[in-house]
PDB file of N, CA and C in Angstrom:
ATOM      1  N   UNK A   1     139.499  89.454 152.511  1.00  0.00           N
ATOM      2  CA  UNK A   1     140.842  89.258 152.912  1.00  0.00           C
ATOM      3  C   UNK A   1     140.907  88.923 154.412  1.00  0.00           C
ATOM      4  N   UNK A   2     139.871  89.608 155.272  1.00  0.00           N
ATOM      5  CA  UNK A   2     140.034  89.165 156.608  1.00  0.00           C
ATOM      6  C   UNK A   2     139.465  87.696 156.772  1.00  0.00           C
ATOM      7  N   UNK A   3     138.663  87.404 155.935  1.00  0.00           N
ATOM      8  CA  UNK A   3     138.031  85.907 156.180  1.00  0.00           C
ATOM      9  C   UNK A   3     139.206  84.918 155.671  1.00  0.00           C
ATOM     10  N   UNK A   4     139.864  85.196 154.776  1.00  0.00           N
ATOM     11  CA  UNK A   4     141.041  84.201 154.486  1.00  0.00           C
ATOM     12  C   UNK A   4     142.203  84.285 155.555  1.00  0.00           C
ATOM     13  N   UNK A   5     142.423  85.314 156.060  1.00  0.00           N
ATOM     14  CA  UNK A   5     143.399  85.451 157.228  1.00  0.00           C
ATOM     15  C   UNK A   5     142.842  84.629 158.506  1.00  0.00           C
ATOM     16  N   UNK A   6     141.585  84.804 158.685  1.00  0.00           N
ATOM     17  CA  UNK A   6     140.922  84.152 159.812  1.00  0.00           C
ATOM     18  C   UNK A   6     140.995  82.634 159.520  1.00  0.00           C
ATOM     19  N   UNK A   7     140.561  82.340 158.408  1.00  0.00           N
ATOM     20  CA  UNK A   7     140.600  80.831 158.067  1.00  0.00           C
ATOM     21  C   UNK A   7     141.931  80.141 158.196  1.00  0.00           C
ATOM     22  N   UNK A   8     142.928  80.897 157.597  1.00  0.00           N
ATOM     23  CA  UNK A   8     144.426  80.384 157.725  1.00  0.00           C
ATOM     24  C   UNK A   8     144.888  80.291 159.105  1.00  0.00           C
ATOM     25  N   UNK A   9     144.395  81.297 160.086  1.00  0.00           N
ATOM     26  CA  UNK A   9     144.826  81.369 161.487  1.00  0.00           C
ATOM     27  C   UNK A   9     144.140  79.983 162.223  1.00  0.00           C
ATOM     28  N   UNK A  10     142.887  79.802 161.807  1.00  0.00           N
ATOM     29  CA  UNK A  10     142.287  78.567 162.463  1.00  0.00           C
ATOM     30  C   UNK A  10     142.812  77.356 162.063  1.00  0.00           C
ATOM     31  N   UNK A  11     143.165  77.277 160.713  1.00  0.00           N
ATOM     32  CA  UNK A  11     143.703  75.990 160.370  1.00  0.00           C
ATOM     33  C   UNK A  11     145.230  75.788 161.061  1.00  0.00           C
ATOM     34  N   UNK A  12     145.959  76.808 161.072  1.00  0.00           N
ATOM     35  CA  UNK A  12     147.309  76.672 161.821  1.00  0.00           C
ATOM     36  C   UNK A  12     147.039  76.280 163.326  1.00  0.00           C
ATOM     37  N   UNK A  13     146.133  76.793 164.028  1.00  0.00           N
ATOM     38  CA  UNK A  13     145.796  76.490 165.337  1.00  0.00           C
ATOM     39  C   UNK A  13     145.426  75.081 165.518  1.00  0.00           C
ATOM     40  N   UNK A  14     144.767  74.566 164.656  1.00  0.00           N
ATOM     41  CA  UNK A  14     144.284  73.130 164.641  1.00  0.00           C
ATOM     42  C   UNK A  14     145.491  72.086 164.511  1.00  0.00           C
ATOM     43  N   UNK A  15     146.460  72.604 163.929  1.00  0.00           N
ATOM     44  CA  UNK A  15     147.764  71.918 163.659  1.00  0.00           C
ATOM     45  C   UNK A  15     148.445  71.585 165.083  1.00  0.00           C
ATOM     46  N   UNK A  16     148.213  72.637 165.961  1.00  0.00           N
ATOM     47  CA  UNK A  16     148.818  72.526 167.315  1.00  0.00           C
ATOM     48  C   UNK A  16     147.900  71.948 168.332  1.00  0.00           C
ATOM     49  N   UNK A  17     147.200  70.837 167.914  1.00  0.00           N
ATOM     50  CA  UNK A  17     146.196  70.134 168.915  1.00  0.00           C
ATOM     51  C   UNK A  17     147.016  69.635 170.081  1.00  0.00           C
ATOM     52  N   UNK A  18     146.580  69.817 171.259  1.00  0.00           N
ATOM     53  CA  UNK A  18     147.222  69.225 172.425  1.00  0.00           C
ATOM     54  C   UNK A  18     146.792  67.854 173.017  1.00  0.00           C
ATOM     55  N   UNK A  19     147.345  67.387 173.850  1.00  0.00           N
ATOM     56  CA  UNK A  19     146.776  66.085 174.390  1.00  0.00           C
ATOM     57  C   UNK A  19     145.320  66.127 175.006  1.00  0.00           C
ATOM     58  N   UNK A  20     144.932  67.316 175.363  1.00  0.00           N
ATOM     59  CA  UNK A  20     143.547  67.439 176.088  1.00  0.00           C
ATOM     60  C   UNK A  20     142.360  67.570 175.002  1.00  0.00           C
ATOM     61  N   UNK A  21     142.785  67.593 173.720  1.00  0.00           N
ATOM     62  CA  UNK A  21     141.734  67.886 172.632  1.00  0.00           C
ATOM     63  C   UNK A  21     140.946  66.581 172.376  1.00  0.00           C
ATOM     64  N   UNK A  22     141.248  65.414 172.728  1.00  0.00           N
ATOM     65  CA  UNK A  22     140.572  64.268 172.748  1.00  0.00           C
ATOM     66  C   UNK A  22     140.681  63.435 174.034  1.00  0.00           C
ATOM     67  N   UNK A  23     139.897  62.484 174.135  1.00  0.00           N
ATOM     68  CA  UNK A  23     139.967  61.639 175.438  1.00  0.00           C
ATOM     69  C   UNK A  23     141.288  61.228 175.732  1.00  0.00           C
ATOM     70  N   UNK A  24     141.680  61.468 176.934  1.00  0.00           N
ATOM     71  CA  UNK A  24     143.203  61.006 177.281  1.00  0.00           C
ATOM     72  C   UNK A  24     143.171  60.308 178.527  1.00  0.00           C
ATOM     73  N   UNK A  25     144.443  59.989 178.736  1.00  0.00           N
ATOM     74  CA  UNK A  25     144.748  59.252 180.108  1.00  0.00           C
ATOM     75  C   UNK A  25     145.973  59.896 180.831  1.00  0.00           C
ATOM     76  N   UNK A  26     145.824  60.016 182.082  1.00  0.00           N
ATOM     77  CA  UNK A  26     147.077  60.428 183.005  1.00  0.00           C
ATOM     78  C   UNK A  26     147.752  59.298 183.628  1.00  0.00           C
ATOM     79  N   UNK A  27     149.048  59.104 183.475  1.00  0.00           N
ATOM     80  CA  UNK A  27     149.665  58.174 184.270  1.00  0.00           C
ATOM     81  C   UNK A  27     150.609  58.843 185.061  1.00  0.00           C
ATOM     82  N   UNK A  28     150.532  58.683 186.396  1.00  0.00           N
ATOM     83  CA  UNK A  28     151.394  59.430 187.385  1.00  0.00           C
ATOM     84  C   UNK A  28     151.832  58.649 188.612  1.00  0.00           C
ATOM     85  N   UNK A  29     152.537  59.342 189.429  1.00  0.00           N
ATOM     86  CA  UNK A  29     153.090  58.437 190.605  1.00  0.00           C
ATOM     87  C   UNK A  29     152.095  58.666 191.862  1.00  0.00           C
ATOM     88  N   UNK A  30     152.073  57.581 192.717  1.00  0.00           N
ATOM     89  CA  UNK A  30     151.162  57.759 193.821  1.00  0.00           C
ATOM     90  C   UNK A  30     152.092  58.343 194.951  1.00  0.00           C
ATOM     91  N   UNK A  31     151.624  59.519 195.436  1.00  0.00           N
ATOM     92  CA  UNK A  31     152.556  60.091 196.495  1.00  0.00           C
ATOM     93  C   UNK A  31     151.986  59.901 197.952  1.00  0.00           C
ATOM     94  N   UNK A  32     150.728  59.180 198.037  1.00  0.00           N
ATOM     95  CA  UNK A  32     150.218  58.990 199.319  1.00  0.00           C
ATOM     96  C   UNK A  32     151.020  57.876 199.961  1.00  0.00           C
ATOM     97  N   UNK A  33     151.146  58.116 201.253  1.00  0.00           N
ATOM     98  CA  UNK A  33     151.814  57.311 202.238  1.00  0.00           C
ATOM     99  C   UNK A  33     151.181  55.929 202.143  1.00  0.00           C
ATOM    100  N   UNK A  34     151.918  54.927 202.239  1.00  0.00           N
ATOM    101  CA  UNK A  34     151.329  53.515 202.321  1.00  0.00           C
ATOM    102  C   UNK A  34     151.641  52.850 203.721  1.00  0.00           C
ATOM    103  N   UNK A  35     150.766  51.841 204.278  1.00  0.00           N
ATOM    104  CA  UNK A  35     151.154  51.223 205.343  1.00  0.00           C
ATOM    105  C   UNK A  35     152.052  50.033 204.985  1.00  0.00           C
ATOM    106  N   UNK A  36     152.157  49.637 203.770  1.00  0.00           N
ATOM    107  CA  UNK A  36     152.945  48.601 203.223  1.00  0.00           C
ATOM    108  C   UNK A  36     154.288  49.175 202.990  1.00  0.00           C
ATOM    109  N   UNK A  37     155.288  48.636 203.749  1.00  0.00           N
ATOM    110  CA  UNK A  37     156.736  48.915 203.702  1.00  0.00           C
ATOM    111  C   UNK A  37     157.314  48.600 202.418  1.00  0.00           C
ATOM    112  N   UNK A  38     156.861  47.723 201.625  1.00  0.00           N
ATOM    113  CA  UNK A  38     157.273  47.360 200.342  1.00  0.00           C
ATOM    114  C   UNK A  38     156.830  48.069 199.111  1.00  0.00           C
ATOM    115  N   UNK A  39     155.927  49.000 199.406  1.00  0.00           N
ATOM    116  CA  UNK A  39     155.408  49.857 198.220  1.00  0.00           C
ATOM    117  C   UNK A  39     156.183  51.057 198.234  1.00  0.00           C
ATOM    118  N   UNK A  40     156.804  51.429 197.189  1.00  0.00           N
ATOM    119  CA  UNK A  40     157.654  52.414 197.065  1.00  0.00           C
ATOM    120  C   UNK A  40     157.239  53.387 195.939  1.00  0.00           C
ATOM    121  N   UNK A  41     157.715  54.650 196.068  1.00  0.00           N
ATOM    122  CA  UNK A  41     157.529  55.777 194.868  1.00  0.00           C
ATOM    123  C   UNK A  41     158.329  55.477 193.852  1.00  0.00           C
ATOM    124  N   UNK A  42     157.879  55.724 192.544  1.00  0.00           N
ATOM    125  CA  UNK A  42     158.704  55.548 191.316  1.00  0.00           C
ATOM    126  C   UNK A  42     158.758  56.867 190.508  1.00  0.00           C
ATOM    127  N   UNK A  43     159.615  56.682 189.543  1.00  0.00           N
ATOM    128  CA  UNK A  43     159.718  57.889 188.652  1.00  0.00           C
ATOM    129  C   UNK A  43     159.172  57.372 187.154  1.00  0.00           C
ATOM    130  N   UNK A  44     158.177  58.119 186.663  1.00  0.00           N
ATOM    131  CA  UNK A  44     157.672  57.714 185.370  1.00  0.00           C
ATOM    132  C   UNK A  44     158.625  58.305 184.354  1.00  0.00           C
ATOM    133  N   UNK A  45     159.404  57.328 183.708  1.00  0.00           N
ATOM    134  CA  UNK A  45     160.425  57.704 182.757  1.00  0.00           C
ATOM    135  C   UNK A  45     159.869  57.763 181.326  1.00  0.00           C
ATOM    136  N   UNK A  46     159.286  56.720 180.853  1.00  0.00           N
ATOM    137  CA  UNK A  46     159.004  56.781 179.423  1.00  0.00           C
ATOM    138  C   UNK A  46     157.450  56.186 179.277  1.00  0.00           C
ATOM    139  N   UNK A  47     156.810  56.465 178.193  1.00  0.00           N
ATOM    140  CA  UNK A  47     155.704  55.804 177.802  1.00  0.00           C
ATOM    141  C   UNK A  47     155.703  55.530 176.308  1.00  0.00           C
ATOM    142  N   UNK A  48     155.899  54.412 175.946  1.00  0.00           N
ATOM    143  CA  UNK A  48     155.783  53.736 174.671  1.00  0.00           C
ATOM    144  C   UNK A  48     157.159  54.496 173.926  1.00  0.00           C
ATOM    145  N   UNK A  49     158.154  54.396 174.844  1.00  0.00           N
ATOM    146  CA  UNK A  49     159.578  54.904 174.260  1.00  0.00           C
ATOM    147  C   UNK A  49     159.599  56.385 174.090  1.00  0.00           C
ATOM    148  N   UNK A  50     158.643  57.145 174.684  1.00  0.00           N
ATOM    149  CA  UNK A  50     158.622  58.560 174.453  1.00  0.00           C
ATOM    150  C   UNK A  50     158.987  59.127 176.014  1.00  0.00           C
ATOM    151  N   UNK A  51     160.103  59.792 176.100  1.00  0.00           N
ATOM    152  CA  UNK A  51     160.523  60.335 177.329  1.00  0.00           C
ATOM    153  C   UNK A  51     159.469  61.266 177.830  1.00  0.00           C
ATOM    154  N   UNK A  52     159.195  61.329 179.350  1.00  0.00           N
ATOM    155  CA  UNK A  52     158.136  62.113 179.963  1.00  0.00           C
ATOM    156  C   UNK A  52     158.995  63.369 180.357  1.00  0.00           C
ATOM    157  N   UNK A  53     158.660  64.465 179.988  1.00  0.00           N
ATOM    158  CA  UNK A  53     159.468  65.718 180.441  1.00  0.00           C
ATOM    159  C   UNK A  53     158.457  66.638 181.256  1.00  0.00           C
ATOM    160  N   UNK A  54     157.418  66.116 181.784  1.00  0.00           N
ATOM    161  CA  UNK A  54     156.321  66.812 182.476  1.00  0.00           C
ATOM    162  C   UNK A  54     156.254  66.641 183.937  1.00  0.00           C
ATOM    163  N   UNK A  55     157.512  66.416 184.741  1.00  0.00           N
ATOM    164  CA  UNK A  55     157.354  66.272 186.112  1.00  0.00           C
ATOM    165  C   UNK A  55     156.549  65.000 186.699  1.00  0.00           C
ATOM    166  N   UNK A  56     157.044  63.871 186.149  1.00  0.00           N
ATOM    167  CA  UNK A  56     156.449  62.587 186.554  1.00  0.00           C
ATOM    168  C   UNK A  56     155.047  62.343 186.191  1.00  0.00           C
ATOM    169  N   UNK A  57     154.546  63.031 185.259  1.00  0.00           N
ATOM    170  CA  UNK A  57     153.262  62.813 184.865  1.00  0.00           C
ATOM    171  C   UNK A  57     153.130  62.728 183.356  1.00  0.00           C
ATOM    172  N   UNK A  58     152.480  61.634 182.842  1.00  0.00           N
ATOM    173  CA  UNK A  58     152.265  61.425 181.310  1.00  0.00           C
ATOM    174  C   UNK A  58     150.847  61.619 181.000  1.00  0.00           C
ATOM    175  N   UNK A  59     150.555  62.407 179.998  1.00  0.00           N
ATOM    176  CA  UNK A  59     149.370  62.451 179.283  1.00  0.00           C
ATOM    177  C   UNK A  59     149.357  61.792 177.996  1.00  0.00           C
ATOM    178  N   UNK A  60     148.593  60.778 177.789  1.00  0.00           N
ATOM    179  CA  UNK A  60     148.678  59.923 176.662  1.00  0.00           C
ATOM    180  C   UNK A  60     147.251  59.610 176.079  1.00  0.00           C
ATOM    181  N   UNK A  61     147.134  59.084 174.923  1.00  0.00           N
ATOM    182  CA  UNK A  61     145.976  58.544 174.454  1.00  0.00           C
ATOM    183  C   UNK A  61     145.601  57.241 174.930  1.00  0.00           C
ATOM    184  N   UNK A  62     144.357  57.007 175.215  1.00  0.00           N
ATOM    185  CA  UNK A  62     143.993  55.663 175.587  1.00  0.00           C
ATOM    186  C   UNK A  62     144.484  54.399 174.774  1.00  0.00           C
ATOM    187  N   UNK A  63     144.462  53.202 175.297  1.00  0.00           N
ATOM    188  CA  UNK A  63     144.884  52.044 174.534  1.00  0.00           C
ATOM    189  C   UNK A  63     146.099  51.408 175.364  1.00  0.00           C
ATOM    190  N   UNK A  64     146.738  50.362 174.851  1.00  0.00           N
ATOM    191  CA  UNK A  64     147.722  49.684 175.309  1.00  0.00           C
ATOM    192  C   UNK A  64     149.040  50.451 175.507  1.00  0.00           C
ATOM    193  N   UNK A  65     149.524  50.623 176.597  1.00  0.00           N
ATOM    194  CA  UNK A  65     150.717  51.550 176.808  1.00  0.00           C
ATOM    195  C   UNK A  65     151.771  50.826 177.621  1.00  0.00           C
ATOM    196  N   UNK A  66     153.028  50.921 177.249  1.00  0.00           N
ATOM    197  CA  UNK A  66     154.316  50.400 177.901  1.00  0.00           C
ATOM    198  C   UNK A  66     154.752  51.441 178.675  1.00  0.00           C
ATOM    199  N   UNK A  67     154.790  51.513 180.056  1.00  0.00           N
ATOM    200  CA  UNK A  67     155.168  52.614 180.860  1.00  0.00           C
ATOM    201  C   UNK A  67     156.485  52.133 181.523  1.00  0.00           C
ATOM    202  N   UNK A  68     157.696  52.864 181.213  1.00  0.00           N
ATOM    203  CA  UNK A  68     159.046  52.552 181.846  1.00  0.00           C
ATOM    204  C   UNK A  68     159.060  53.272 183.202  1.00  0.00           C
ATOM    205  N   UNK A  69     159.243  52.546 184.324  1.00  0.00           N
ATOM    206  CA  UNK A  69     159.269  53.241 185.569  1.00  0.00           C
ATOM    207  C   UNK A  69     160.614  53.006 186.103  1.00  0.00           C
ATOM    208  N   UNK A  70     161.205  53.997 186.850  1.00  0.00           N
ATOM    209  CA  UNK A  70     162.578  53.857 187.554  1.00  0.00           C
ATOM    210  C   UNK A  70     162.285  53.800 189.130  1.00  0.00           C
ATOM    211  N   UNK A  71     162.883  53.012 189.788  1.00  0.00           N
ATOM    212  CA  UNK A  71     163.039  52.968 191.176  1.00  0.00           C
ATOM    213  C   UNK A  71     164.291  53.655 191.502  1.00  0.00           C
ATOM    214  N   UNK A  72     164.286  54.713 192.276  1.00  0.00           N
ATOM    215  CA  UNK A  72     165.532  55.350 192.747  1.00  0.00           C
ATOM    216  C   UNK A  72     166.284  54.411 193.663  1.00  0.00           C
ATOM    217  N   UNK A  73     167.459  54.595 193.784  1.00  0.00           N
ATOM    218  CA  UNK A  73     168.408  53.829 194.685  1.00  0.00           C
ATOM    219  C   UNK A  73     167.927  53.966 196.235  1.00  0.00           C
ATOM    220  N   UNK A  74     167.872  52.979 196.847  1.00  0.00           N
ATOM    221  CA  UNK A  74     167.472  52.955 198.371  1.00  0.00           C
ATOM    222  C   UNK A  74     168.758  52.785 199.206  1.00  0.00           C
ATOM    223  N   UNK A  75     168.600  52.987 200.413  1.00  0.00           N
ATOM    224  CA  UNK A  75     169.558  52.803 201.432  1.00  0.00           C
ATOM    225  C   UNK A  75     170.094  51.471 201.176  1.00  0.00           C
ATOM    226  N   UNK A  76     171.510  51.305 201.117  1.00  0.00           N
ATOM    227  CA  UNK A  76     172.264  50.022 200.873  1.00  0.00           C
ATOM    228  C   UNK A  76     172.407  49.668 199.390  1.00  0.00           C
ATOM    229  N   UNK A  77     171.698  50.305 198.486  1.00  0.00           N
ATOM    230  CA  UNK A  77     171.881  50.171 197.011  1.00  0.00           C
ATOM    231  C   UNK A  77     172.291  51.390 196.421  1.00  0.00           C
ATOM    232  N   UNK A  78     173.285  51.330 195.457  1.00  0.00           N
ATOM    233  CA  UNK A  78     173.679  52.647 194.880  1.00  0.00           C
ATOM    234  C   UNK A  78     173.230  52.679 193.225  1.00  0.00           C
ATOM    235  N   UNK A  79     172.462  51.793 192.851  1.00  0.00           N
ATOM    236  CA  UNK A  79     171.852  51.793 191.489  1.00  0.00           C
ATOM    237  C   UNK A  79     170.370  51.880 191.451  1.00  0.00           C
ATOM    238  N   UNK A  80     169.865  52.801 190.631  1.00  0.00           N
ATOM    239  CA  UNK A  80     168.517  52.733 190.237  1.00  0.00           C
ATOM    240  C   UNK A  80     167.953  51.656 189.355  1.00  0.00           C
ATOM    241  N   UNK A  81     166.801  51.082 189.377  1.00  0.00           N
ATOM    242  CA  UNK A  81     166.390  50.026 188.541  1.00  0.00           C
ATOM    243  C   UNK A  81     165.208  50.560 187.912  1.00  0.00           C
ATOM    244  N   UNK A  82     165.005  49.702 186.812  1.00  0.00           N
ATOM    245  CA  UNK A  82     163.821  49.908 185.719  1.00  0.00           C
ATOM    246  C   UNK A  82     162.991  48.705 185.515  1.00  0.00           C
ATOM    247  N   UNK A  83     161.771  49.032 185.201  1.00  0.00           N
ATOM    248  CA  UNK A  83     160.801  47.947 185.045  1.00  0.00           C
ATOM    249  C   UNK A  83     159.879  48.659 184.090  1.00  0.00           C
ATOM    250  N   UNK A  84     159.078  47.624 183.410  1.00  0.00           N
ATOM    251  CA  UNK A  84     158.039  48.145 182.437  1.00  0.00           C
ATOM    252  C   UNK A  84     156.738  47.524 182.820  1.00  0.00           C
ATOM    253  N   UNK A  85     155.781  48.444 182.831  1.00  0.00           N
ATOM    254  CA  UNK A  85     154.344  48.163 183.300  1.00  0.00           C
ATOM    255  C   UNK A  85     153.515  48.457 182.011  1.00  0.00           C
ATOM    256  N   UNK A  86     152.749  47.281 181.556  1.00  0.00           N
ATOM    257  CA  UNK A  86     151.791  47.479 180.459  1.00  0.00           C
ATOM    258  C   UNK A  86     150.445  47.790 181.057  1.00  0.00           C
ATOM    259  N   UNK A  87     150.002  48.746 180.509  1.00  0.00           N
ATOM    260  CA  UNK A  87     148.554  49.317 180.867  1.00  0.00           C
ATOM    261  C   UNK A  87     147.711  49.321 179.735  1.00  0.00           C
ATOM    262  N   UNK A  88     146.393  48.668 179.915  1.00  0.00           N
ATOM    263  CA  UNK A  88     145.499  48.873 178.886  1.00  0.00           C
ATOM    264  C   UNK A  88     144.569  50.146 179.433  1.00  0.00           C
ATOM    265  N   UNK A  89     145.086  51.132 178.970  1.00  0.00           N
ATOM    266  CA  UNK A  89     144.583  52.385 179.517  1.00  0.00           C
ATOM    267  C   UNK A  89     143.215  52.801 178.966  1.00  0.00           C
ATOM    268  N   UNK A  90     142.280  53.042 179.799  1.00  0.00           N
ATOM    269  CA  UNK A  90     140.934  53.370 179.598  1.00  0.00           C
ATOM    270  C   UNK A  90     140.788  54.786 179.417  1.00  0.00           C
ATOM    271  N   UNK A  91     139.937  55.352 178.505  1.00  0.00           N
ATOM    272  CA  UNK A  91     139.871  56.984 178.291  1.00  0.00           C
ATOM    273  C   UNK A  91     139.359  57.373 179.504  1.00  0.00           C
ATOM    274  N   UNK A  92     139.913  58.676 179.730  1.00  0.00           N
ATOM    275  CA  UNK A  92     139.542  59.638 180.779  1.00  0.00           C
ATOM    276  C   UNK A  92     139.676  58.962 182.116  1.00  0.00           C
ATOM    277  N   UNK A  93     140.837  58.304 182.302  1.00  0.00           N
ATOM    278  CA  UNK A  93     141.264  57.606 183.587  1.00  0.00           C
ATOM    279  C   UNK A  93     142.608  58.093 184.057  1.00  0.00           C
ATOM    280  N   UNK A  94     142.733  58.320 185.314  1.00  0.00           N
ATOM    281  CA  UNK A  94     144.115  58.511 185.949  1.00  0.00           C
ATOM    282  C   UNK A  94     144.561  57.301 186.784  1.00  0.00           C
ATOM    283  N   UNK A  95     145.668  56.950 186.341  1.00  0.00           N
ATOM    284  CA  UNK A  95     146.397  55.840 186.979  1.00  0.00           C
ATOM    285  C   UNK A  95     147.548  56.199 187.915  1.00  0.00           C
ATOM    286  N   UNK A  96     147.516  55.734 189.140  1.00  0.00           N
ATOM    287  CA  UNK A  96     148.582  56.002 190.072  1.00  0.00           C
ATOM    288  C   UNK A  96     149.571  54.697 190.098  1.00  0.00           C
ATOM    289  N   UNK A  97     150.810  54.871 189.881  1.00  0.00           N
ATOM    290  CA  UNK A  97     151.677  53.760 189.675  1.00  0.00           C
ATOM    291  C   UNK A  97     152.699  53.802 190.844  1.00  0.00           C
ATOM    292  N   UNK A  98     153.275  52.707 191.199  1.00  0.00           N
ATOM    293  CA  UNK A  98     154.257  52.471 192.383  1.00  0.00           C
ATOM    294  C   UNK A  98     154.943  51.159 192.078  1.00  0.00           C
ATOM    295  N   UNK A  99     156.060  50.963 192.883  1.00  0.00           N
ATOM    296  CA  UNK A  99     156.775  49.806 192.902  1.00  0.00           C
ATOM    297  C   UNK A  99     156.501  49.032 193.941  1.00  0.00           C
ATOM    298  N   UNK A 100     156.376  47.694 193.874  1.00  0.00           N
ATOM    299  CA  UNK A 100     156.093  46.734 195.002  1.00  0.00           C
ATOM    300  C   UNK A 100     157.369  45.848 195.109  1.00  0.00           C
ATOM    301  N   UNK A 101     158.069  46.101 196.175  1.00  0.00           N
ATOM    302  CA  UNK A 101     159.481  45.302 196.390  1.00  0.00           C
ATOM    303  C   UNK A 101     159.049  43.905 196.625  1.00  0.00           C
ATOM    304  N   UNK A 102     159.806  42.931 195.991  1.00  0.00           N
ATOM    305  CA  UNK A 102     159.851  41.498 196.365  1.00  0.00           C
ATOM    306  C   UNK A 102     160.153  41.374 197.766  1.00  0.00           C
ATOM    307  N   UNK A 103     161.219  41.941 198.193  1.00  0.00           N
ATOM    308  CA  UNK A 103     161.854  41.904 199.661  1.00  0.00           C
ATOM    309  C   UNK A 103     162.643  43.122 199.895  1.00  0.00           C
ATOM    310  N   UNK A 104     162.570  43.650 201.007  1.00  0.00           N
ATOM    311  CA  UNK A 104     163.279  44.894 201.441  1.00  0.00           C
ATOM    312  C   UNK A 104     164.937  44.646 201.369  1.00  0.00           C
ATOM    313  N   UNK A 105     165.341  43.442 201.094  1.00  0.00           N
ATOM    314  CA  UNK A 105     166.807  43.183 201.199  1.00  0.00           C
ATOM    315  C   UNK A 105     167.323  42.899 199.648  1.00  0.00           C
ATOM    316  N   UNK A 106     166.459  42.939 198.774  1.00  0.00           N
ATOM    317  CA  UNK A 106     166.857  42.826 197.395  1.00  0.00           C
ATOM    318  C   UNK A 106     166.349  44.097 196.517  1.00  0.00           C
ATOM    319  N   UNK A 107     167.001  44.173 195.243  1.00  0.00           N
ATOM    320  CA  UNK A 107     166.506  45.246 194.328  1.00  0.00           C
ATOM    321  C   UNK A 107     165.313  44.804 193.483  1.00  0.00           C
ATOM    322  N   UNK A 108     164.925  43.520 193.541  1.00  0.00           N
ATOM    323  CA  UNK A 108     163.744  43.098 192.830  1.00  0.00           C
ATOM    324  C   UNK A 108     162.555  43.633 193.169  1.00  0.00           C
ATOM    325  N   UNK A 109     161.810  44.143 192.128  1.00  0.00           N
ATOM    326  CA  UNK A 109     160.353  44.713 192.396  1.00  0.00           C
ATOM    327  C   UNK A 109     159.460  44.494 191.007  1.00  0.00           C
ATOM    328  N   UNK A 110     158.168  44.845 191.400  1.00  0.00           N
ATOM    329  CA  UNK A 110     157.329  44.730 190.226  1.00  0.00           C
ATOM    330  C   UNK A 110     156.592  46.102 190.168  1.00  0.00           C
ATOM    331  N   UNK A 111     156.441  46.615 188.985  1.00  0.00           N
ATOM    332  CA  UNK A 111     155.611  47.881 188.847  1.00  0.00           C
ATOM    333  C   UNK A 111     154.032  47.380 189.032  1.00  0.00           C
ATOM    334  N   UNK A 112     153.311  48.203 189.688  1.00  0.00           N
ATOM    335  CA  UNK A 112     151.924  48.076 190.077  1.00  0.00           C
ATOM    336  C   UNK A 112     151.216  49.416 189.850  1.00  0.00           C
ATOM    337  N   UNK A 113     149.990  49.183 189.484  1.00  0.00           N
ATOM    338  CA  UNK A 113     148.791  50.299 189.390  1.00  0.00           C
ATOM    339  C   UNK A 113     148.298  50.248 190.835  1.00  0.00           C
ATOM    340  N   UNK A 114     148.713  51.288 191.649  1.00  0.00           N
ATOM    341  CA  UNK A 114     148.126  51.421 192.977  1.00  0.00           C
ATOM    342  C   UNK A 114     146.730  51.760 192.962  1.00  0.00           C
ATOM    343  N   UNK A 115     146.325  52.598 192.183  1.00  0.00           N
ATOM    344  CA  UNK A 115     144.853  52.931 192.078  1.00  0.00           C
ATOM    345  C   UNK A 115     144.635  53.658 190.837  1.00  0.00           C
ATOM    346  N   UNK A 116     143.378  53.667 190.401  1.00  0.00           N
ATOM    347  CA  UNK A 116     142.794  54.426 189.313  1.00  0.00           C
ATOM    348  C   UNK A 116     141.581  55.221 189.669  1.00  0.00           C
ATOM    349  N   UNK A 117     141.406  56.400 188.988  1.00  0.00           N
ATOM    350  CA  UNK A 117     140.161  57.059 189.087  1.00  0.00           C
ATOM    351  C   UNK A 117     139.786  57.588 187.795  1.00  0.00           C
ATOM    352  N   UNK A 118     138.456  57.962 187.793  1.00  0.00           N
ATOM    353  CA  UNK A 118     137.857  58.705 186.532  1.00  0.00           C
ATOM    354  C   UNK A 118     138.360  60.091 186.540  1.00  0.00           C
ATOM    355  N   UNK A 119     138.642  60.731 185.448  1.00  0.00           N
ATOM    356  CA  UNK A 119     138.963  62.197 185.209  1.00  0.00           C
ATOM    357  C   UNK A 119     137.583  62.679 184.957  1.00  0.00           C
ATOM    358  N   UNK A 120     137.010  63.389 185.871  1.00  0.00           N
ATOM    359  CA  UNK A 120     135.697  64.099 185.884  1.00  0.00           C
ATOM    360  C   UNK A 120     135.420  64.849 184.477  1.00  0.00           C
ATOM    361  N   UNK A 121     136.429  65.963 184.550  1.00  0.00           N
ATOM    362  CA  UNK A 121     136.269  66.951 183.511  1.00  0.00           C
ATOM    363  C   UNK A 121     136.439  66.357 182.057  1.00  0.00           C
ATOM    364  N   UNK A 122     137.262  65.382 181.832  1.00  0.00           N
ATOM    365  CA  UNK A 122     137.583  64.688 180.646  1.00  0.00           C
ATOM    366  C   UNK A 122     136.180  63.913 180.250  1.00  0.00           C
ATOM    367  N   UNK A 123     135.632  63.042 181.184  1.00  0.00           N
ATOM    368  CA  UNK A 123     134.440  62.425 180.984  1.00  0.00           C
ATOM    369  C   UNK A 123     133.265  63.296 180.471  1.00  0.00           C
ATOM    370  N   UNK A 124     133.122  64.385 181.199  1.00  0.00           N
ATOM    371  CA  UNK A 124     132.065  65.512 180.906  1.00  0.00           C
ATOM    372  C   UNK A 124     132.354  66.087 179.521  1.00  0.00           C
ATOM    373  N   UNK A 125     133.618  66.481 179.179  1.00  0.00           N
ATOM    374  CA  UNK A 125     133.855  67.090 177.963  1.00  0.00           C
ATOM    375  C   UNK A 125     133.631  66.248 176.655  1.00  0.00           C
ATOM    376  N   UNK A 126     134.004  64.922 176.888  1.00  0.00           N
ATOM    377  CA  UNK A 126     133.785  64.034 175.806  1.00  0.00           C
ATOM    378  C   UNK A 126     132.667  63.020 175.994  1.00  0.00           C
ATOM    379  N   UNK A 127     131.928  63.251 176.796  1.00  0.00           N
ATOM    380  CA  UNK A 127     130.486  62.474 177.111  1.00  0.00           C
ATOM    381  C   UNK A 127     130.948  60.926 177.127  1.00  0.00           C
ATOM    382  N   UNK A 128     131.829  60.667 178.315  1.00  0.00           N
ATOM    383  CA  UNK A 128     132.174  59.242 178.258  1.00  0.00           C
ATOM    384  C   UNK A 128     131.474  58.867 179.689  1.00  0.00           C
ATOM    385  N   UNK A 129     130.782  57.754 179.658  1.00  0.00           N
ATOM    386  CA  UNK A 129     130.073  57.144 180.677  1.00  0.00           C
ATOM    387  C   UNK A 129     130.249  57.507 182.015  1.00  0.00           C
TER     388      UNK A 129
END
């Protein structure tokens, strides 16, 4: 009886697999100051039409991802704007995203990957190069 209970408990726990149970990607904002005045902090809104609820950080599976970014209104503008960034996300990699203004006097901008870095604990856990 105990074995059946234990087996059913293990099966039910496997149904609750989280994003860290297989190789993953983290897409987050870059909060580091930049010497480029046209580089701005964004909000990670959605990844593949899935709304992000975890404080400006998305944990997703590797592969081609469409990341919707919001640029909050700046001085002189009263509307936030959105753009989509396509990322071919490599496993166990953290991507820092930002907005690159075309000009400080317009609301036109392009989403950019400011930097990327390997996630050491993920690479070790899943034995990725």
